[in-house]
Amino acid sequence: MADDKKAHETLKEKVDDFKADVDERKAEHQEKDAVKDINRAFKHDLKSDVDLDKAADNVDKAVEREAEAQEG
């Protein structure tokens, strides 16, 4: 009877170890996904900054053209 209980505890420990390994791998994948999301957001933010700079340049050009049109 003691051997059955001991074998059961050993099996339970193995299952617990396996679950811990699975949880650790899930955490690693979640961390990798978070890093990817951060990188995507950073790239999107940089692209937005470039787009804003282009829009500001276009506004400046439009103001210059309007000033030239009023002079001419």
PDB file of N, CA and C in Angstrom:
ATOM      1  N   MET A   1       0.819  -1.181   0.000  1.00  0.00           N
ATOM      2  CA  MET A   1       0.000   0.000   0.000  1.00  0.00           C
ATOM      3  C   MET A   1       0.870   1.253   0.000  1.00  0.00           C
ATOM      4  N   ALA A   2       1.931   1.202   0.731  1.00  0.00           N
ATOM      5  CA  ALA A   2       2.818   2.368   0.778  1.00  0.00           C
ATOM      6  C   ALA A   2       3.466   2.584  -0.580  1.00  0.00           C
ATOM      7  N   ASP A   3       3.755   1.492  -1.304  1.00  0.00           N
ATOM      8  CA  ASP A   3       4.353   1.618  -2.630  1.00  0.00           C
ATOM      9  C   ASP A   3       3.390   2.275  -3.610  1.00  0.00           C
ATOM     10  N   ASP A   4       2.089   1.939  -3.517  1.00  0.00           N
ATOM     11  CA  ASP A   4       1.086   2.551  -4.386  1.00  0.00           C
ATOM     12  C   ASP A   4       1.008   4.056  -4.141  1.00  0.00           C
ATOM     13  N   LYS A   5       1.013   4.422  -2.899  1.00  0.00           N
ATOM     14  CA  LYS A   5       0.923   5.833  -2.561  1.00  0.00           C
ATOM     15  C   LYS A   5       2.176   6.569  -3.054  1.00  0.00           C
ATOM     16  N   LYS A   6       3.304   5.940  -2.900  1.00  0.00           N
ATOM     17  CA  LYS A   6       4.556   6.561  -3.319  1.00  0.00           C
ATOM     18  C   LYS A   6       4.594   6.709  -4.844  1.00  0.00           C
ATOM     19  N   ALA A   7       4.150   5.675  -5.553  1.00  0.00           N
ATOM     20  CA  ALA A   7       4.117   5.744  -7.015  1.00  0.00           C
ATOM     21  C   ALA A   7       3.150   6.828  -7.472  1.00  0.00           C
ATOM     22  N   HIS A   8       2.046   6.936  -6.796  1.00  0.00           N
ATOM     23  CA  HIS A   8       1.060   7.961  -7.137  1.00  0.00           C
ATOM     24  C   HIS A   8       1.647   9.363  -6.929  1.00  0.00           C
ATOM     25  N   GLU A   9       2.358   9.526  -5.807  1.00  0.00           N
ATOM     26  CA  GLU A   9       2.970  10.830  -5.539  1.00  0.00           C
ATOM     27  C   GLU A   9       4.036  11.148  -6.582  1.00  0.00           C
ATOM     28  N   THR A  10       4.782  10.137  -6.995  1.00  0.00           N
ATOM     29  CA  THR A  10       5.811  10.340  -8.011  1.00  0.00           C
ATOM     30  C   THR A  10       5.165  10.734  -9.329  1.00  0.00           C
ATOM     31  N   LEU A  11       4.091  10.061  -9.692  1.00  0.00           N
ATOM     32  CA  LEU A  11       3.374  10.392 -10.920  1.00  0.00           C
ATOM     33  C   LEU A  11       2.823  11.811 -10.841  1.00  0.00           C
ATOM     34  N   LYS A  12       2.263  12.163  -9.686  1.00  0.00           N
ATOM     35  CA  LYS A  12       1.732  13.510  -9.505  1.00  0.00           C
ATOM     36  C   LYS A  12       2.855  14.538  -9.633  1.00  0.00           C
ATOM     37  N   GLU A  13       4.010  14.250  -9.081  1.00  0.00           N
ATOM     38  CA  GLU A  13       5.146  15.168  -9.200  1.00  0.00           C
ATOM     39  C   GLU A  13       5.567  15.325 -10.656  1.00  0.00           C
ATOM     40  N   LYS A  14       5.558  14.213 -11.394  1.00  0.00           N
ATOM     41  CA  LYS A  14       5.923  14.284 -12.814  1.00  0.00           C
ATOM     42  C   LYS A  14       4.925  15.139 -13.589  1.00  0.00           C
ATOM     43  N   VAL A  15       3.639  14.951 -13.289  1.00  0.00           N
ATOM     44  CA  VAL A  15       2.597  15.739 -13.951  1.00  0.00           C
ATOM     45  C   VAL A  15       2.756  17.209 -13.584  1.00  0.00           C
ATOM     46  N   ASP A  16       3.021  17.487 -12.337  1.00  0.00           N
ATOM     47  CA  ASP A  16       3.214  18.866 -11.897  1.00  0.00           C
ATOM     48  C   ASP A  16       4.433  19.484 -12.584  1.00  0.00           C
ATOM     49  N   ASP A  17       5.510  18.705 -12.712  1.00  0.00           N
ATOM     50  CA  ASP A  17       6.701  19.196 -13.406  1.00  0.00           C
ATOM     51  C   ASP A  17       6.398  19.483 -14.872  1.00  0.00           C
ATOM     52  N   PHE A  18       5.636  18.580 -15.497  1.00  0.00           N
ATOM     53  CA  PHE A  18       5.265  18.771 -16.895  1.00  0.00           C
ATOM     54  C   PHE A  18       4.423  20.038 -17.054  1.00  0.00           C
ATOM     55  N   LYS A  19       3.451  20.227 -16.165  1.00  0.00           N
ATOM     56  CA  LYS A  19       2.612  21.422 -16.219  1.00  0.00           C
ATOM     57  C   LYS A  19       3.455  22.684 -16.031  1.00  0.00           C
ATOM     58  N   ALA A  20       4.427  22.610 -15.131  1.00  0.00           N
ATOM     59  CA  ALA A  20       5.304  23.761 -14.904  1.00  0.00           C
ATOM     60  C   ALA A  20       6.124  24.069 -16.161  1.00  0.00           C
ATOM     61  N   ASP A  21       6.602  23.014 -16.837  1.00  0.00           N
ATOM     62  CA  ASP A  21       7.349  23.219 -18.084  1.00  0.00           C
ATOM     63  C   ASP A  21       6.468  23.856 -19.150  1.00  0.00           C
ATOM     64  N   VAL A  22       5.241  23.388 -19.259  1.00  0.00           N
ATOM     65  CA  VAL A  22       4.301  23.937 -20.242  1.00  0.00           C
ATOM     66  C   VAL A  22       4.023  25.406 -19.921  1.00  0.00           C
ATOM     67  N   ASP A  23       3.793  25.701 -18.657  1.00  0.00           N
ATOM     68  CA  ASP A  23       3.536  27.087 -18.256  1.00  0.00           C
ATOM     69  C   ASP A  23       4.743  27.973 -18.555  1.00  0.00           C
ATOM     70  N   GLU A  24       5.941  27.431 -18.335  1.00  0.00           N
ATOM     71  CA  GLU A  24       7.159  28.202 -18.608  1.00  0.00           C
ATOM     72  C   GLU A  24       7.283  28.489 -20.098  1.00  0.00           C
ATOM     73  N   ARG A  25       6.995  27.502 -20.927  1.00  0.00           N
ATOM     74  CA  ARG A  25       7.066  27.710 -22.381  1.00  0.00           C
ATOM     75  C   ARG A  25       6.010  28.705 -22.840  1.00  0.00           C
ATOM     76  N   LYS A  26       4.817  28.616 -22.267  1.00  0.00           N
ATOM     77  CA  LYS A  26       3.769  29.580 -22.615  1.00  0.00           C
ATOM     78  C   LYS A  26       4.218  30.992 -22.253  1.00  0.00           C
ATOM     79  N   ALA A  27       4.828  31.132 -21.106  1.00  0.00           N
ATOM     80  CA  ALA A  27       5.303  32.445 -20.672  1.00  0.00           C
ATOM     81  C   ALA A  27       6.379  32.965 -21.619  1.00  0.00           C
ATOM     82  N   GLU A  28       7.272  32.086 -22.060  1.00  0.00           N
ATOM     83  CA  GLU A  28       8.312  32.488 -23.002  1.00  0.00           C
ATOM     84  C   GLU A  28       7.703  32.958 -24.316  1.00  0.00           C
ATOM     85  N   HIS A  29       6.697  32.227 -24.804  1.00  0.00           N
ATOM     86  CA  HIS A  29       6.040  32.620 -26.060  1.00  0.00           C
ATOM     87  C   HIS A  29       5.294  33.945 -25.889  1.00  0.00           C
ATOM     88  N   GLN A  30       4.656  34.114 -24.752  1.00  0.00           N
ATOM     89  CA  GLN A  30       3.949  35.370 -24.501  1.00  0.00           C
ATOM     90  C   GLN A  30       4.931  36.532 -24.456  1.00  0.00           C
ATOM     91  N   GLU A  31       6.098  36.287 -23.874  1.00  0.00           N
ATOM     92  CA  GLU A  31       7.114  37.339 -23.813  1.00  0.00           C
ATOM     93  C   GLU A  31       7.607  37.684 -25.218  1.00  0.00           C
ATOM     94  N   LYS A  32       7.839  36.662 -26.045  1.00  0.00           N
ATOM     95  CA  LYS A  32       8.262  36.903 -27.424  1.00  0.00           C
ATOM     96  C   LYS A  32       7.189  37.677 -28.187  1.00  0.00           C
ATOM     97  N   ASP A  33       5.926  37.305 -27.986  1.00  0.00           N
ATOM     98  CA  ASP A  33       4.826  38.011 -28.654  1.00  0.00           C
ATOM     99  C   ASP A  33       4.764  39.470 -28.194  1.00  0.00           C
ATOM    100  N   ALA A  34       4.992  39.686 -26.915  1.00  0.00           N
ATOM    101  CA  ALA A  34       4.975  41.058 -26.403  1.00  0.00           C
ATOM    102  C   ALA A  34       6.094  41.884 -27.028  1.00  0.00           C
ATOM    103  N   VAL A  35       7.270  41.283 -27.173  1.00  0.00           N
ATOM    104  CA  VAL A  35       8.394  41.990 -27.796  1.00  0.00           C
ATOM    105  C   VAL A  35       8.062  42.315 -29.253  1.00  0.00           C
ATOM    106  N   LYS A  36       7.463  41.362 -29.956  1.00  0.00           N
ATOM    107  CA  LYS A  36       7.064  41.613 -31.348  1.00  0.00           C
ATOM    108  C   LYS A  36       6.057  42.754 -31.421  1.00  0.00           C
ATOM    109  N   ASP A  37       5.091  42.754 -30.505  1.00  0.00           N
ATOM    110  CA  ASP A  37       4.081  43.816 -30.486  1.00  0.00           C
ATOM    111  C   ASP A  37       4.716  45.177 -30.210  1.00  0.00           C
ATOM    112  N   ILE A  38       5.682  45.198 -29.316  1.00  0.00           N
ATOM    113  CA  ILE A  38       6.369  46.452 -29.004  1.00  0.00           C
ATOM    114  C   ILE A  38       7.134  46.942 -30.227  1.00  0.00           C
ATOM    115  N   ASN A  39       7.815  46.022 -30.909  1.00  0.00           N
ATOM    116  CA  ASN A  39       8.558  46.400 -32.111  1.00  0.00           C
ATOM    117  C   ASN A  39       7.633  46.934 -33.195  1.00  0.00           C
ATOM    118  N   ARG A  40       6.492  46.261 -33.382  1.00  0.00           N
ATOM    119  CA  ARG A  40       5.519  46.732 -34.376  1.00  0.00           C
ATOM    120  C   ARG A  40       5.013  48.128 -34.025  1.00  0.00           C
ATOM    121  N   ALA A  41       4.703  48.316 -32.756  1.00  0.00           N
ATOM    122  CA  ALA A  41       4.203  49.622 -32.316  1.00  0.00           C
ATOM    123  C   ALA A  41       5.265  50.697 -32.517  1.00  0.00           C
ATOM    124  N   PHE A  42       6.514  50.366 -32.231  1.00  0.00           N
ATOM    125  CA  PHE A  42       7.604  51.330 -32.409  1.00  0.00           C
ATOM    126  C   PHE A  42       7.755  51.698 -33.881  1.00  0.00           C
ATOM    127  N   LYS A  43       7.717  50.682 -34.757  1.00  0.00           N
ATOM    128  CA  LYS A  43       7.827  50.949 -36.194  1.00  0.00           C
ATOM    129  C   LYS A  43       6.649  51.791 -36.679  1.00  0.00           C
ATOM    130  N   HIS A  44       5.462  51.479 -36.185  1.00  0.00           N
ATOM    131  CA  HIS A  44       4.267  52.243 -36.565  1.00  0.00           C
ATOM    132  C   HIS A  44       4.402  53.687 -36.085  1.00  0.00           C
ATOM    133  N   ASP A  45       4.923  53.854 -34.879  1.00  0.00           N
ATOM    134  CA  ASP A  45       5.118  55.194 -34.339  1.00  0.00           C
ATOM    135  C   ASP A  45       6.115  55.978 -35.186  1.00  0.00           C
ATOM    136  N   LEU A  46       7.202  55.327 -35.594  1.00  0.00           N
ATOM    137  CA  LEU A  46       8.179  55.997 -36.457  1.00  0.00           C
ATOM    138  C   LEU A  46       7.555  56.382 -37.791  1.00  0.00           C
ATOM    139  N   LYS A  47       6.756  55.469 -38.351  1.00  0.00           N
ATOM    140  CA  LYS A  47       6.092  55.753 -39.625  1.00  0.00           C
ATOM    141  C   LYS A  47       5.125  56.918 -39.461  1.00  0.00           C
ATOM    142  N   SER A  48       4.439  56.962 -38.349  1.00  0.00           N
ATOM    143  CA  SER A  48       3.520  58.070 -38.092  1.00  0.00           C
ATOM    144  C   SER A  48       4.278  59.388 -38.007  1.00  0.00           C
ATOM    145  N   ASP A  49       5.443  59.349 -37.365  1.00  0.00           N
ATOM    146  CA  ASP A  49       6.255  60.572 -37.276  1.00  0.00           C
ATOM    147  C   ASP A  49       6.677  61.035 -38.667  1.00  0.00           C
ATOM    148  N   VAL A  50       7.071  60.097 -39.516  1.00  0.00           N
ATOM    149  CA  VAL A  50       7.466  60.442 -40.882  1.00  0.00           C
ATOM    150  C   VAL A  50       6.279  61.018 -41.638  1.00  0.00           C
ATOM    151  N   ASP A  51       5.110  60.387 -41.477  1.00  0.00           N
ATOM    152  CA  ASP A  51       3.903  60.888 -42.141  1.00  0.00           C
ATOM    153  C   ASP A  51       3.554  62.296 -41.655  1.00  0.00           C
ATOM    154  N   LEU A  52       3.707  62.545 -40.368  1.00  0.00           N
ATOM    155  CA  LEU A  52       3.428  63.880 -39.833  1.00  0.00           C
ATOM    156  C   LEU A  52       4.419  64.903 -40.392  1.00  0.00           C
ATOM    157  N   ASP A  53       5.670  64.494 -40.506  1.00  0.00           N
ATOM    158  CA  ASP A  53       6.675  65.402 -41.086  1.00  0.00           C
ATOM    159  C   ASP A  53       6.337  65.728 -42.535  1.00  0.00           C
ATOM    160  N   LYS A  54       5.915  64.713 -43.291  1.00  0.00           N
ATOM    161  CA  LYS A  54       5.531  64.944 -44.689  1.00  0.00           C
ATOM    162  C   LYS A  54       4.324  65.872 -44.768  1.00  0.00           C
ATOM    163  N   ALA A  55       3.354  65.671 -43.902  1.00  0.00           N
ATOM    164  CA  ALA A  55       2.164  66.520 -43.888  1.00  0.00           C
ATOM    165  C   ALA A  55       2.543  67.958 -43.541  1.00  0.00           C
ATOM    166  N   ALA A  56       3.437  68.117 -42.587  1.00  0.00           N
ATOM    167  CA  ALA A  56       3.876  69.472 -42.224  1.00  0.00           C
ATOM    168  C   ALA A  56       4.595  70.134 -43.393  1.00  0.00           C
ATOM    169  N   ASP A  57       5.417  69.369 -44.106  1.00  0.00           N
ATOM    170  CA  ASP A  57       6.091  69.913 -45.293  1.00  0.00           C
ATOM    171  C   ASP A  57       5.077  70.340 -46.349  1.00  0.00           C
ATOM    172  N   ASN A  58       4.055  69.533 -46.552  1.00  0.00           N
ATOM    173  CA  ASN A  58       3.020  69.866 -47.531  1.00  0.00           C
ATOM    174  C   ASN A  58       2.270  71.134 -47.131  1.00  0.00           C
ATOM    175  N   VAL A  59       2.017  71.300 -45.849  1.00  0.00           N
ATOM    176  CA  VAL A  59       1.347  72.516 -45.370  1.00  0.00           C
ATOM    177  C   VAL A  59       2.244  73.718 -45.627  1.00  0.00           C
ATOM    178  N   ASP A  60       3.535  73.564 -45.334  1.00  0.00           N
ATOM    179  CA  ASP A  60       4.475  74.672 -45.581  1.00  0.00           C
ATOM    180  C   ASP A  60       4.498  75.053 -47.064  1.00  0.00           C
ATOM    181  N   LYS A  61       4.519  74.051 -47.927  1.00  0.00           N
ATOM    182  CA  LYS A  61       4.520  74.313 -49.370  1.00  0.00           C
ATOM    183  C   LYS A  61       3.233  75.009 -49.791  1.00  0.00           C
ATOM    184  N   ALA A  62       2.128  74.579 -49.232  1.00  0.00           N
ATOM    185  CA  ALA A  62       0.844  75.193 -49.575  1.00  0.00           C
ATOM    186  C   ALA A  62       0.807  76.648 -49.126  1.00  0.00           C
ATOM    187  N   VAL A  63       1.346  76.927 -47.963  1.00  0.00           N
ATOM    188  CA  VAL A  63       1.375  78.306 -47.470  1.00  0.00           C
ATOM    189  C   VAL A  63       2.262  79.160 -48.379  1.00  0.00           C
ATOM    190  N   GLU A  64       3.413  78.615 -48.793  1.00  0.00           N
ATOM    191  CA  GLU A  64       4.302  79.341 -49.705  1.00  0.00           C
ATOM    192  C   GLU A  64       3.618  79.623 -51.042  1.00  0.00           C
ATOM    193  N   ARG A  65       2.926  78.627 -51.572  1.00  0.00           N
ATOM    194  CA  ARG A  65       2.226  78.815 -52.862  1.00  0.00           C
ATOM    195  C   ARG A  65       1.124  79.847 -52.724  1.00  0.00           C
ATOM    196  N   GLU A  66       0.419  79.816 -51.620  1.00  0.00           N
ATOM    197  CA  GLU A  66      -0.639  80.788 -51.410  1.00  0.00           C
ATOM    198  C   GLU A  66      -0.052  82.196 -51.324  1.00  0.00           C
ATOM    199  N   ALA A  67       1.065  82.331 -50.639  1.00  0.00           N
ATOM    200  CA  ALA A  67       1.715  83.643 -50.521  1.00  0.00           C
ATOM    201  C   ALA A  67       2.188  84.109 -51.888  1.00  0.00           C
ATOM    202  N   GLU A  68       2.740  83.193 -52.674  1.00  0.00           N
ATOM    203  CA  GLU A  68       3.190  83.542 -54.034  1.00  0.00           C
ATOM    204  C   GLU A  68       2.004  83.939 -54.903  1.00  0.00           C
ATOM    205  N   ALA A  69       0.895  83.246 -54.759  1.00  0.00           N
ATOM    206  CA  ALA A  69      -0.298  83.545 -55.562  1.00  0.00           C
ATOM    207  C   ALA A  69      -0.845  84.920 -55.205  1.00  0.00           C
ATOM    208  N   GLN A  70      -0.795  85.290 -53.942  1.00  0.00           N
ATOM    209  CA  GLN A  70      -1.304  86.591 -53.534  1.00  0.00           C
ATOM    210  C   GLN A  70      -0.389  87.723 -54.016  1.00  0.00           C
ATOM    211  N   GLU A  71       0.899  87.432 -54.095  1.00  0.00           N
ATOM    212  CA  GLU A  71       1.858  88.441 -54.591  1.00  0.00           C
ATOM    213  C   GLU A  71       1.713  88.630 -56.089  1.00  0.00           C
ATOM    214  N   GLY A  72       1.479  87.544 -56.807  1.00  0.00           N
ATOM    215  CA  GLY A  72       1.461  87.569 -58.263  1.00  0.00           C
ATOM    216  C   GLY A  72       0.144  87.885 -58.811  1.00  0.00           C
TER     217      GLY A  72
END
